[in-house]
């Protein structure tokens, strides 16, 4: 038995809201492929809105832009992760069409 490794390409996109030269929000989306599907999938990561700008709909619009990027890339799914301690974030994701699916496991390195 041999263990083989191969490099697969992924595309990372960083989007952000700017006002007067200050970043007020950001998100990352990574477009990747696996062997199960011909279409790629996307992972949304590090969604953040500056506290002074929260409650204005910027987070919702930022996530909508990530969804659009994933759709434009012909992704079959978009994954969003969030800590258990963030129920407001979970409610936002659900309002935007995400459903709770599975469990995330993690190891800090």
PDB file of N, CA and C in Angstrom:
ATOM      1  N   UNK A   1       0.843  -1.168   0.000  1.00  0.00           N
ATOM      2  CA  UNK A   1       0.000   0.000   0.000  1.00  0.00           C
ATOM      3  C   UNK A   1       0.897   1.242   0.000  1.00  0.00           C
ATOM      4  N   UNK A   2       0.546   2.231  -0.834  1.00  0.00           N
ATOM      5  CA  UNK A   2       1.297   3.480  -0.865  1.00  0.00           C
ATOM      6  C   UNK A   2       0.348   4.654  -0.628  1.00  0.00           C
ATOM      7  N   UNK A   3       0.872   5.638   0.000  1.00  0.00           N
ATOM      8  CA  UNK A   3       0.119   6.858   0.234  1.00  0.00           C
ATOM      9  C   UNK A   3       0.559   7.878  -0.807  1.00  0.00           C
ATOM     10  N   UNK A   4      -0.393   8.362  -1.580  1.00  0.00           N
ATOM     11  CA  UNK A   4      -0.091   9.348  -2.611  1.00  0.00           C
ATOM     12  C   UNK A   4      -0.660  10.698  -2.209  1.00  0.00           C
ATOM     13  N   UNK A   5       0.037  11.722  -2.552  1.00  0.00           N
ATOM     14  CA  UNK A   5      -0.472  13.077  -2.360  1.00  0.00           C
ATOM     15  C   UNK A   5      -0.374  13.819  -3.686  1.00  0.00           C
ATOM     16  N   UNK A   6      -1.322  14.719  -3.892  1.00  0.00           N
ATOM     17  CA  UNK A   6      -1.250  15.586  -5.072  1.00  0.00           C
ATOM     18  C   UNK A   6      -1.805  16.946  -4.672  1.00  0.00           C
ATOM     19  N   UNK A   7      -1.280  17.937  -5.273  1.00  0.00           N
ATOM     20  CA  UNK A   7      -1.724  19.289  -4.999  1.00  0.00           C
ATOM     21  C   UNK A   7      -2.957  19.584  -5.837  1.00  0.00           C
ATOM     22  N   UNK A   8      -3.964  20.146  -5.202  1.00  0.00           N
ATOM     23  CA  UNK A   8      -5.148  20.599  -5.918  1.00  0.00           C
ATOM     24  C   UNK A   8      -5.230  22.111  -5.745  1.00  0.00           C
ATOM     25  N   UNK A   9      -5.682  22.765  -6.765  1.00  0.00           N
ATOM     26  CA  UNK A   9      -5.748  24.217  -6.748  1.00  0.00           C
ATOM     27  C   UNK A   9      -7.024  24.694  -6.053  1.00  0.00           C
ATOM     28  N   UNK A  10      -6.921  25.773  -5.345  1.00  0.00           N
ATOM     29  CA  UNK A  10      -8.064  26.451  -4.744  1.00  0.00           C
ATOM     30  C   UNK A  10      -7.908  27.940  -5.030  1.00  0.00           C
ATOM     31  N   UNK A  11      -9.023  28.615  -5.114  1.00  0.00           N
ATOM     32  CA  UNK A  11      -9.007  30.050  -5.371  1.00  0.00           C
ATOM     33  C   UNK A  11      -9.575  30.757  -4.156  1.00  0.00           C
ATOM     34  N   UNK A  12      -8.841  31.687  -3.608  1.00  0.00           N
ATOM     35  CA  UNK A  12      -9.314  32.463  -2.476  1.00  0.00           C
ATOM     36  C   UNK A  12      -9.665  33.872  -2.913  1.00  0.00           C
ATOM     37  N   UNK A  13     -10.798  34.360  -2.440  1.00  0.00           N
ATOM     38  CA  UNK A  13     -11.249  35.709  -2.773  1.00  0.00           C
ATOM     39  C   UNK A  13     -11.553  36.435  -1.469  1.00  0.00           C
ATOM     40  N   UNK A  14     -11.014  37.619  -1.314  1.00  0.00           N
ATOM     41  CA  UNK A  14     -11.277  38.458  -0.135  1.00  0.00           C
ATOM     42  C   UNK A  14     -12.132  39.621  -0.599  1.00  0.00           C
ATOM     43  N   UNK A  15     -13.275  39.827   0.064  1.00  0.00           N
ATOM     44  CA  UNK A  15     -14.113  40.977  -0.252  1.00  0.00           C
ATOM     45  C   UNK A  15     -14.271  41.809   1.006  1.00  0.00           C
ATOM     46  N   UNK A  16     -14.429  43.118   0.829  1.00  0.00           N
ATOM     47  CA  UNK A  16     -14.537  43.962   2.017  1.00  0.00           C
ATOM     48  C   UNK A  16     -15.332  45.215   1.718  1.00  0.00           C
ATOM     49  N   UNK A  17     -15.931  45.745   2.778  1.00  0.00           N
ATOM     50  CA  UNK A  17     -16.573  47.055   2.750  1.00  0.00           C
ATOM     51  C   UNK A  17     -15.548  48.072   3.218  1.00  0.00           C
ATOM     52  N   UNK A  18     -15.453  49.191   2.537  1.00  0.00           N
ATOM     53  CA  UNK A  18     -14.540  50.267   2.913  1.00  0.00           C
ATOM     54  C   UNK A  18     -15.331  51.560   3.060  1.00  0.00           C
ATOM     55  N   UNK A  19     -14.967  52.377   4.033  1.00  0.00           N
ATOM     56  CA  UNK A  19     -15.543  53.708   4.162  1.00  0.00           C
ATOM     57  C   UNK A  19     -14.460  54.661   4.631  1.00  0.00           C
ATOM     58  N   UNK A  20     -14.224  55.688   3.847  1.00  0.00           N
ATOM     59  CA  UNK A  20     -13.195  56.690   4.165  1.00  0.00           C
ATOM     60  C   UNK A  20     -11.850  56.037   4.467  1.00  0.00           C
ATOM     61  N   UNK A  21     -11.503  55.034   3.677  1.00  0.00           N
ATOM     62  CA  UNK A  21     -10.221  54.360   3.838  1.00  0.00           C
ATOM     63  C   UNK A  21     -10.153  53.381   4.997  1.00  0.00           C
ATOM     64  N   UNK A  22     -11.278  53.142   5.670  1.00  0.00           N
ATOM     65  CA  UNK A  22     -11.317  52.209   6.803  1.00  0.00           C
ATOM     66  C   UNK A  22     -12.119  50.983   6.397  1.00  0.00           C
ATOM     67  N   UNK A  23     -11.574  49.825   6.693  1.00  0.00           N
ATOM     68  CA  UNK A  23     -12.316  48.587   6.428  1.00  0.00           C
ATOM     69  C   UNK A  23     -13.383  48.411   7.502  1.00  0.00           C
ATOM     70  N   UNK A  24     -14.638  48.346   7.064  1.00  0.00           N
ATOM     71  CA  UNK A  24     -15.726  48.171   8.035  1.00  0.00           C
ATOM     72  C   UNK A  24     -16.250  46.741   8.048  1.00  0.00           C
ATOM     73  N   UNK A  25     -15.885  45.944   7.062  1.00  0.00           N
ATOM     74  CA  UNK A  25     -16.307  44.546   7.032  1.00  0.00           C
ATOM     75  C   UNK A  25     -15.532  43.776   5.999  1.00  0.00           C
ATOM     76  N   UNK A  26     -15.482  42.453   6.212  1.00  0.00           N
ATOM     77  CA  UNK A  26     -14.740  41.604   5.271  1.00  0.00           C
ATOM     78  C   UNK A  26     -15.269  40.185   5.323  1.00  0.00           C
ATOM     79  N   UNK A  27     -14.939  39.439   4.287  1.00  0.00           N
ATOM     80  CA  UNK A  27     -15.224  38.007   4.243  1.00  0.00           C
ATOM     81  C   UNK A  27     -14.274  37.382   3.239  1.00  0.00           C
ATOM     82  N   UNK A  28     -13.995  36.127   3.440  1.00  0.00           N
ATOM     83  CA  UNK A  28     -13.192  35.349   2.507  1.00  0.00           C
ATOM     84  C   UNK A  28     -14.047  34.225   1.960  1.00  0.00           C
ATOM     85  N   UNK A  29     -13.874  33.920   0.702  1.00  0.00           N
ATOM     86  CA  UNK A  29     -14.521  32.747   0.109  1.00  0.00           C
ATOM     87  C   UNK A  29     -13.445  31.975  -0.650  1.00  0.00           C
ATOM     88  N   UNK A  30     -13.438  30.673  -0.442  1.00  0.00           N
ATOM     89  CA  UNK A  30     -12.468  29.795  -1.092  1.00  0.00           C
ATOM     90  C   UNK A  30     -13.231  28.846  -2.001  1.00  0.00           C
ATOM     91  N   UNK A  31     -12.828  28.785  -3.261  1.00  0.00           N
ATOM     92  CA  UNK A  31     -13.449  27.916  -4.252  1.00  0.00           C
ATOM     93  C   UNK A  31     -12.528  26.717  -4.442  1.00  0.00           C
ATOM     94  N   UNK A  32     -13.056  25.514  -4.219  1.00  0.00           N
ATOM     95  CA  UNK A  32     -12.241  24.296  -4.250  1.00  0.00           C
ATOM     96  C   UNK A  32     -12.963  23.177  -4.987  1.00  0.00           C
ATOM     97  N   UNK A  33     -12.217  22.170  -5.362  1.00  0.00           N
ATOM     98  CA  UNK A  33     -12.779  20.979  -6.008  1.00  0.00           C
ATOM     99  C   UNK A  33     -12.487  19.748  -5.148  1.00  0.00           C
ATOM    100  N   UNK A  34     -13.342  18.753  -5.297  1.00  0.00           N
ATOM    101  CA  UNK A  34     -13.072  17.445  -4.718  1.00  0.00           C
ATOM    102  C   UNK A  34     -13.379  16.381  -5.773  1.00  0.00           C
ATOM    103  N   UNK A  35     -13.165  15.133  -5.439  1.00  0.00           N
ATOM    104  CA  UNK A  35     -13.375  14.053  -6.407  1.00  0.00           C
ATOM    105  C   UNK A  35     -14.828  13.580  -6.483  1.00  0.00           C
ATOM    106  N   UNK A  36     -15.701  14.095  -5.640  1.00  0.00           N
ATOM    107  CA  UNK A  36     -17.086  13.642  -5.610  1.00  0.00           C
ATOM    108  C   UNK A  36     -17.969  14.342  -6.639  1.00  0.00           C
ATOM    109  N   UNK A  37     -17.594  15.548  -7.032  1.00  0.00           N
ATOM    110  CA  UNK A  37     -18.434  16.356  -7.913  1.00  0.00           C
ATOM    111  C   UNK A  37     -17.590  17.013  -8.992  1.00  0.00           C
ATOM    112  N   UNK A  38     -18.179  17.213 -10.148  1.00  0.00           N
ATOM    113  CA  UNK A  38     -17.483  17.957 -11.198  1.00  0.00           C
ATOM    114  C   UNK A  38     -17.460  19.441 -10.881  1.00  0.00           C
ATOM    115  N   UNK A  39     -18.524  19.925 -10.246  1.00  0.00           N
ATOM    116  CA  UNK A  39     -18.588  21.334  -9.885  1.00  0.00           C
ATOM    117  C   UNK A  39     -17.764  21.586  -8.623  1.00  0.00           C
ATOM    118  N   UNK A  40     -17.247  22.788  -8.468  1.00  0.00           N
ATOM    119  CA  UNK A  40     -16.519  23.121  -7.235  1.00  0.00           C
ATOM    120  C   UNK A  40     -17.484  23.375  -6.083  1.00  0.00           C
ATOM    121  N   UNK A  41     -16.933  23.510  -4.883  1.00  0.00           N
ATOM    122  CA  UNK A  41     -17.691  23.957  -3.726  1.00  0.00           C
ATOM    123  C   UNK A  41     -16.979  25.174  -3.153  1.00  0.00           C
ATOM    124  N   UNK A  42     -17.674  25.902  -2.280  1.00  0.00           N
ATOM    125  CA  UNK A  42     -17.092  27.108  -1.697  1.00  0.00           C
ATOM    126  C   UNK A  42     -17.157  27.044  -0.181  1.00  0.00           C
ATOM    127  N   UNK A  43     -16.190  27.673   0.447  1.00  0.00           N
ATOM    128  CA  UNK A  43     -16.130  27.793   1.896  1.00  0.00           C
ATOM    129  C   UNK A  43     -16.037  29.270   2.237  1.00  0.00           C
ATOM    130  N   UNK A  44     -16.970  29.737   3.062  1.00  0.00           N
ATOM    131  CA  UNK A  44     -16.954  31.126   3.529  1.00  0.00           C
ATOM    132  C   UNK A  44     -16.267  31.155   4.887  1.00  0.00           C
ATOM    133  N   UNK A  45     -15.385  32.123   5.068  1.00  0.00           N
ATOM    134  CA  UNK A  45     -14.569  32.168   6.284  1.00  0.00           C
ATOM    135  C   UNK A  45     -14.337  33.618   6.704  1.00  0.00           C
ATOM    136  N   UNK A  46     -14.155  33.839   7.979  1.00  0.00           N
ATOM    137  CA  UNK A  46     -13.741  35.124   8.539  1.00  0.00           C
ATOM    138  C   UNK A  46     -14.667  36.263   8.129  1.00  0.00           C
ATOM    139  N   UNK A  47     -15.964  36.053   8.300  1.00  0.00           N
ATOM    140  CA  UNK A  47     -16.930  37.129   8.051  1.00  0.00           C
ATOM    141  C   UNK A  47     -16.890  38.047   9.267  1.00  0.00           C
ATOM    142  N   UNK A  48     -16.671  39.331   9.018  1.00  0.00           N
ATOM    143  CA  UNK A  48     -16.511  40.273  10.128  1.00  0.00           C
ATOM    144  C   UNK A  48     -17.065  41.635   9.736  1.00  0.00           C
ATOM    145  N   UNK A  49     -17.831  42.250  10.645  1.00  0.00           N
ATOM    146  CA  UNK A  49     -18.278  43.629  10.512  1.00  0.00           C
ATOM    147  C   UNK A  49     -17.815  44.389  11.753  1.00  0.00           C
ATOM    148  N   UNK A  50     -17.158  45.517  11.553  1.00  0.00           N
ATOM    149  CA  UNK A  50     -16.714  46.368  12.645  1.00  0.00           C
ATOM    150  C   UNK A  50     -17.917  46.696  13.531  1.00  0.00           C
ATOM    151  N   UNK A  51     -17.727  46.616  14.835  1.00  0.00           N
ATOM    152  CA  UNK A  51     -18.830  46.806  15.783  1.00  0.00           C
ATOM    153  C   UNK A  51     -19.567  48.125  15.574  1.00  0.00           C
ATOM    154  N   UNK A  52     -18.872  49.176  15.199  1.00  0.00           N
ATOM    155  CA  UNK A  52     -19.502  50.486  15.002  1.00  0.00           C
ATOM    156  C   UNK A  52     -20.457  50.503  13.813  1.00  0.00           C
ATOM    157  N   UNK A  53     -20.370  49.496  12.938  1.00  0.00           N
ATOM    158  CA  UNK A  53     -21.182  49.462  11.724  1.00  0.00           C
ATOM    159  C   UNK A  53     -22.204  48.332  11.719  1.00  0.00           C
ATOM    160  N   UNK A  54     -22.301  47.604  12.810  1.00  0.00           N
ATOM    161  CA  UNK A  54     -23.253  46.498  12.880  1.00  0.00           C
ATOM    162  C   UNK A  54     -24.680  47.011  12.960  1.00  0.00           C
ATOM    163  N   UNK A  55     -25.626  46.186  12.530  1.00  0.00           N
ATOM    164  CA  UNK A  55     -27.027  46.559  12.585  1.00  0.00           C
ATOM    165  C   UNK A  55     -27.504  47.372  11.393  1.00  0.00           C
ATOM    166  N   UNK A  56     -26.652  47.545  10.399  1.00  0.00           N
ATOM    167  CA  UNK A  56     -26.993  48.333   9.221  1.00  0.00           C
ATOM    168  C   UNK A  56     -27.235  47.467   7.981  1.00  0.00           C
ATOM    169  N   UNK A  57     -27.172  46.152   8.158  1.00  0.00           N
ATOM    170  CA  UNK A  57     -27.382  45.256   7.026  1.00  0.00           C
ATOM    171  C   UNK A  57     -26.138  44.950   6.225  1.00  0.00           C
ATOM    172  N   UNK A  58     -24.994  45.458   6.667  1.00  0.00           N
ATOM    173  CA  UNK A  58     -23.754  45.226   5.919  1.00  0.00           C
ATOM    174  C   UNK A  58     -23.333  43.762   5.939  1.00  0.00           C
ATOM    175  N   UNK A  59     -23.525  43.093   7.080  1.00  0.00           N
ATOM    176  CA  UNK A  59     -23.182  41.675   7.177  1.00  0.00           C
ATOM    177  C   UNK A  59     -24.032  40.850   6.238  1.00  0.00           C
ATOM    178  N   UNK A  60     -25.325  41.140   6.198  1.00  0.00           N
ATOM    179  CA  UNK A  60     -26.227  40.417   5.289  1.00  0.00           C
ATOM    180  C   UNK A  60     -25.804  40.616   3.845  1.00  0.00           C
ATOM    181  N   UNK A  61     -25.519  41.851   3.487  1.00  0.00           N
ATOM    182  CA  UNK A  61     -25.123  42.127   2.101  1.00  0.00           C
ATOM    183  C   UNK A  61     -23.773  41.483   1.776  1.00  0.00           C
ATOM    184  N   UNK A  62     -22.861  41.471   2.734  1.00  0.00           N
ATOM    185  CA  UNK A  62     -21.558  40.831   2.521  1.00  0.00           C
ATOM    186  C   UNK A  62     -21.734  39.342   2.249  1.00  0.00           C
ATOM    187  N   UNK A  63     -22.577  38.681   3.051  1.00  0.00           N
ATOM    188  CA  UNK A  63     -22.825  37.252   2.850  1.00  0.00           C
ATOM    189  C   UNK A  63     -23.534  37.024   1.514  1.00  0.00           C
ATOM    190  N   UNK A  64     -24.465  37.904   1.149  1.00  0.00           N
ATOM    191  CA  UNK A  64     -25.117  37.780  -0.168  1.00  0.00           C
ATOM    192  C   UNK A  64     -24.096  37.863  -1.298  1.00  0.00           C
ATOM    193  N   UNK A  65     -23.100  38.713  -1.134  1.00  0.00           N
ATOM    194  CA  UNK A  65     -22.052  38.823  -2.156  1.00  0.00           C
ATOM    195  C   UNK A  65     -21.218  37.546  -2.223  1.00  0.00           C
ATOM    196  N   UNK A  66     -20.948  36.940  -1.070  1.00  0.00           N
ATOM    197  CA  UNK A  66     -20.231  35.657  -1.057  1.00  0.00           C
ATOM    198  C   UNK A  66     -21.069  34.595  -1.765  1.00  0.00           C
ATOM    199  N   UNK A  67     -22.364  34.560  -1.474  1.00  0.00           N
ATOM    200  CA  UNK A  67     -23.259  33.599  -2.143  1.00  0.00           C
ATOM    201  C   UNK A  67     -23.207  33.801  -3.649  1.00  0.00           C
ATOM    202  N   UNK A  68     -23.256  35.061  -4.098  1.00  0.00           N
ATOM    203  CA  UNK A  68     -23.202  35.358  -5.527  1.00  0.00           C
ATOM    204  C   UNK A  68     -21.881  34.897  -6.135  1.00  0.00           C
ATOM    205  N   UNK A  69     -20.774  35.132  -5.438  1.00  0.00           N
ATOM    206  CA  UNK A  69     -19.473  34.663  -5.940  1.00  0.00           C
ATOM    207  C   UNK A  69     -19.475  33.147  -6.120  1.00  0.00           C
ATOM    208  N   UNK A  70     -20.038  32.440  -5.137  1.00  0.00           N
ATOM    209  CA  UNK A  70     -20.102  30.973  -5.222  1.00  0.00           C
ATOM    210  C   UNK A  70     -21.010  30.536  -6.367  1.00  0.00           C
ATOM    211  N   UNK A  71     -22.138  31.212  -6.542  1.00  0.00           N
ATOM    212  CA  UNK A  71     -23.033  30.886  -7.652  1.00  0.00           C
ATOM    213  C   UNK A  71     -22.359  31.162  -8.991  1.00  0.00           C
ATOM    214  N   UNK A  72     -21.683  32.303  -9.095  1.00  0.00           N
ATOM    215  CA  UNK A  72     -21.000  32.663 -10.342  1.00  0.00           C
ATOM    216  C   UNK A  72     -19.887  31.670 -10.684  1.00  0.00           C
ATOM    217  N   UNK A  73     -19.311  31.048  -9.652  1.00  0.00           N
ATOM    218  CA  UNK A  73     -18.265  30.037  -9.860  1.00  0.00           C
ATOM    219  C   UNK A  73     -18.861  28.657 -10.105  1.00  0.00           C
ATOM    220  N   UNK A  74     -20.206  28.590 -10.176  1.00  0.00           N
ATOM    221  CA  UNK A  74     -20.922  27.334 -10.447  1.00  0.00           C
ATOM    222  C   UNK A  74     -20.719  26.296  -9.340  1.00  0.00           C
ATOM    223  N   UNK A  75     -20.588  26.758  -8.101  1.00  0.00           N
ATOM    224  CA  UNK A  75     -20.407  25.847  -6.967  1.00  0.00           C
ATOM    225  C   UNK A  75     -21.709  25.097  -6.685  1.00  0.00           C
ATOM    226  N   UNK A  76     -21.575  23.846  -6.251  1.00  0.00           N
ATOM    227  CA  UNK A  76     -22.763  23.067  -5.904  1.00  0.00           C
ATOM    228  C   UNK A  76     -23.171  23.282  -4.451  1.00  0.00           C
ATOM    229  N   UNK A  77     -22.267  23.842  -3.621  1.00  0.00           N
ATOM    230  CA  UNK A  77     -22.616  24.160  -2.235  1.00  0.00           C
ATOM    231  C   UNK A  77     -21.677  25.239  -1.725  1.00  0.00           C
ATOM    232  N   UNK A  78     -22.161  25.938  -0.707  1.00  0.00           N
ATOM    233  CA  UNK A  78     -21.372  26.928   0.017  1.00  0.00           C
ATOM    234  C   UNK A  78     -21.436  26.551   1.488  1.00  0.00           C
ATOM    235  N   UNK A  79     -20.280  26.384   2.097  1.00  0.00           N
ATOM    236  CA  UNK A  79     -20.181  26.007   3.503  1.00  0.00           C
ATOM    237  C   UNK A  79     -19.857  27.251   4.321  1.00  0.00           C
ATOM    238  N   UNK A  80     -20.590  27.435   5.415  1.00  0.00           N
ATOM    239  CA  UNK A  80     -20.313  28.510   6.362  1.00  0.00           C
ATOM    240  C   UNK A  80     -20.160  27.874   7.734  1.00  0.00           C
ATOM    241  N   UNK A  81     -19.100  28.185   8.421  1.00  0.00           N
ATOM    242  CA  UNK A  81     -18.910  27.660   9.772  1.00  0.00           C
ATOM    243  C   UNK A  81     -19.050  28.801  10.776  1.00  0.00           C
ATOM    244  N   UNK A  82     -19.417  28.445  11.990  1.00  0.00           N
ATOM    245  CA  UNK A  82     -19.578  29.437  13.041  1.00  0.00           C
ATOM    246  C   UNK A  82     -19.476  28.739  14.389  1.00  0.00           C
ATOM    247  N   UNK A  83     -18.932  29.452  15.342  1.00  0.00           N
ATOM    248  CA  UNK A  83     -18.836  28.892  16.688  1.00  0.00           C
ATOM    249  C   UNK A  83     -20.223  28.742  17.303  1.00  0.00           C
ATOM    250  N   UNK A  84     -20.374  27.760  18.169  1.00  0.00           N
ATOM    251  CA  UNK A  84     -21.649  27.511  18.852  1.00  0.00           C
ATOM    252  C   UNK A  84     -22.117  28.737  19.638  1.00  0.00           C
ATOM    253  N   UNK A  85     -21.199  29.561  20.071  1.00  0.00           N
ATOM    254  CA  UNK A  85     -21.529  30.703  20.925  1.00  0.00           C
ATOM    255  C   UNK A  85     -22.034  31.919  20.138  1.00  0.00           C
ATOM    256  N   UNK A  86     -22.340  31.768  18.852  1.00  0.00           N
ATOM    257  CA  UNK A  86     -22.733  32.909  18.007  1.00  0.00           C
ATOM    258  C   UNK A  86     -24.156  32.768  17.453  1.00  0.00           C
ATOM    259  N   UNK A  87     -25.181  32.709  18.309  1.00  0.00           N
ATOM    260  CA  UNK A  87     -26.546  32.489  17.805  1.00  0.00           C
ATOM    261  C   UNK A  87     -27.041  33.584  16.863  1.00  0.00           C
ATOM    262  N   UNK A  88     -26.593  34.828  17.034  1.00  0.00           N
ATOM    263  CA  UNK A  88     -27.010  35.895  16.117  1.00  0.00           C
ATOM    264  C   UNK A  88     -26.469  35.643  14.713  1.00  0.00           C
ATOM    265  N   UNK A  89     -25.257  35.151  14.640  1.00  0.00           N
ATOM    266  CA  UNK A  89     -24.667  34.816  13.333  1.00  0.00           C
ATOM    267  C   UNK A  89     -25.439  33.660  12.711  1.00  0.00           C
ATOM    268  N   UNK A  90     -25.776  32.670  13.510  1.00  0.00           N
ATOM    269  CA  UNK A  90     -26.531  31.513  13.005  1.00  0.00           C
ATOM    270  C   UNK A  90     -27.882  31.966  12.461  1.00  0.00           C
ATOM    271  N   UNK A  91     -28.545  32.860  13.172  1.00  0.00           N
ATOM    272  CA  UNK A  91     -29.849  33.370  12.718  1.00  0.00           C
ATOM    273  C   UNK A  91     -29.694  34.122  11.398  1.00  0.00           C
ATOM    274  N   UNK A  92     -28.634  34.905  11.270  1.00  0.00           N
ATOM    275  CA  UNK A  92     -28.370  35.618  10.017  1.00  0.00           C
ATOM    276  C   UNK A  92     -28.205  34.631   8.872  1.00  0.00           C
ATOM    277  N   UNK A  93     -27.369  33.627   9.062  1.00  0.00           N
ATOM    278  CA  UNK A  93     -27.134  32.637   8.006  1.00  0.00           C
ATOM    279  C   UNK A  93     -28.443  31.939   7.621  1.00  0.00           C
ATOM    280  N   UNK A  94     -29.254  31.589   8.607  1.00  0.00           N
ATOM    281  CA  UNK A  94     -30.526  30.916   8.316  1.00  0.00           C
ATOM    282  C   UNK A  94     -31.482  31.840   7.562  1.00  0.00           C
ATOM    283  N   UNK A  95     -31.521  33.124   7.920  1.00  0.00           N
ATOM    284  CA  UNK A  95     -32.356  34.082   7.184  1.00  0.00           C
ATOM    285  C   UNK A  95     -31.931  34.180   5.718  1.00  0.00           C
ATOM    286  N   UNK A  96     -30.643  33.964   5.460  1.00  0.00           N
ATOM    287  CA  UNK A  96     -30.116  34.072   4.103  1.00  0.00           C
ATOM    288  C   UNK A  96     -30.166  32.748   3.340  1.00  0.00           C
ATOM    289  N   UNK A  97     -30.772  31.716   3.945  1.00  0.00           N
ATOM    290  CA  UNK A  97     -30.992  30.468   3.225  1.00  0.00           C
ATOM    291  C   UNK A  97     -30.117  29.292   3.610  1.00  0.00           C
ATOM    292  N   UNK A  98     -29.167  29.492   4.517  1.00  0.00           N
ATOM    293  CA  UNK A  98     -28.331  28.376   4.967  1.00  0.00           C
ATOM    294  C   UNK A  98     -29.151  27.480   5.885  1.00  0.00           C
ATOM    295  N   UNK A  99     -28.825  26.204   5.913  1.00  0.00           N
ATOM    296  CA  UNK A  99     -29.422  25.273   6.856  1.00  0.00           C
ATOM    297  C   UNK A  99     -28.319  24.627   7.671  1.00  0.00           C
ATOM    298  N   UNK A 100     -28.637  24.297   8.905  1.00  0.00           N
ATOM    299  CA  UNK A 100     -27.672  23.597   9.750  1.00  0.00           C
ATOM    300  C   UNK A 100     -27.483  22.202   9.187  1.00  0.00           C
ATOM    301  N   UNK A 101     -26.235  21.830   8.967  1.00  0.00           N
ATOM    302  CA  UNK A 101     -25.949  20.563   8.294  1.00  0.00           C
ATOM    303  C   UNK A 101     -24.633  20.015   8.829  1.00  0.00           C
ATOM    304  N   UNK A 102     -24.706  18.965   9.608  1.00  0.00           N
ATOM    305  CA  UNK A 102     -23.489  18.319  10.081  1.00  0.00           C
ATOM    306  C   UNK A 102     -22.853  19.018  11.266  1.00  0.00           C
ATOM    307  N   UNK A 103     -21.650  18.596  11.566  1.00  0.00           N
ATOM    308  CA  UNK A 103     -20.890  19.086  12.701  1.00  0.00           C
ATOM    309  C   UNK A 103     -19.476  19.366  12.224  1.00  0.00           C
ATOM    310  N   UNK A 104     -18.915  20.448  12.693  1.00  0.00           N
ATOM    311  CA  UNK A 104     -17.528  20.781  12.350  1.00  0.00           C
ATOM    312  C   UNK A 104     -16.609  20.269  13.461  1.00  0.00           C
ATOM    313  N   UNK A 105     -15.536  19.616  13.077  1.00  0.00           N
ATOM    314  CA  UNK A 105     -14.493  19.216  14.026  1.00  0.00           C
ATOM    315  C   UNK A 105     -13.236  19.969  13.664  1.00  0.00           C
ATOM    316  N   UNK A 106     -12.437  20.259  14.655  1.00  0.00           N
ATOM    317  CA  UNK A 106     -11.279  21.111  14.430  1.00  0.00           C
ATOM    318  C   UNK A 106     -10.158  20.695  15.358  1.00  0.00           C
ATOM    319  N   UNK A 107      -8.933  20.877  14.904  1.00  0.00           N
ATOM    320  CA  UNK A 107      -7.756  20.726  15.739  1.00  0.00           C
ATOM    321  C   UNK A 107      -6.893  21.948  15.530  1.00  0.00           C
ATOM    322  N   UNK A 108      -6.554  22.641  16.587  1.00  0.00           N
ATOM    323  CA  UNK A 108      -5.688  23.810  16.483  1.00  0.00           C
ATOM    324  C   UNK A 108      -4.242  23.333  16.361  1.00  0.00           C
ATOM    325  N   UNK A 109      -3.548  23.865  15.394  1.00  0.00           N
ATOM    326  CA  UNK A 109      -2.150  23.458  15.161  1.00  0.00           C
ATOM    327  C   UNK A 109      -1.180  24.563  15.493  1.00  0.00           C
TER     328      UNK A 109
END
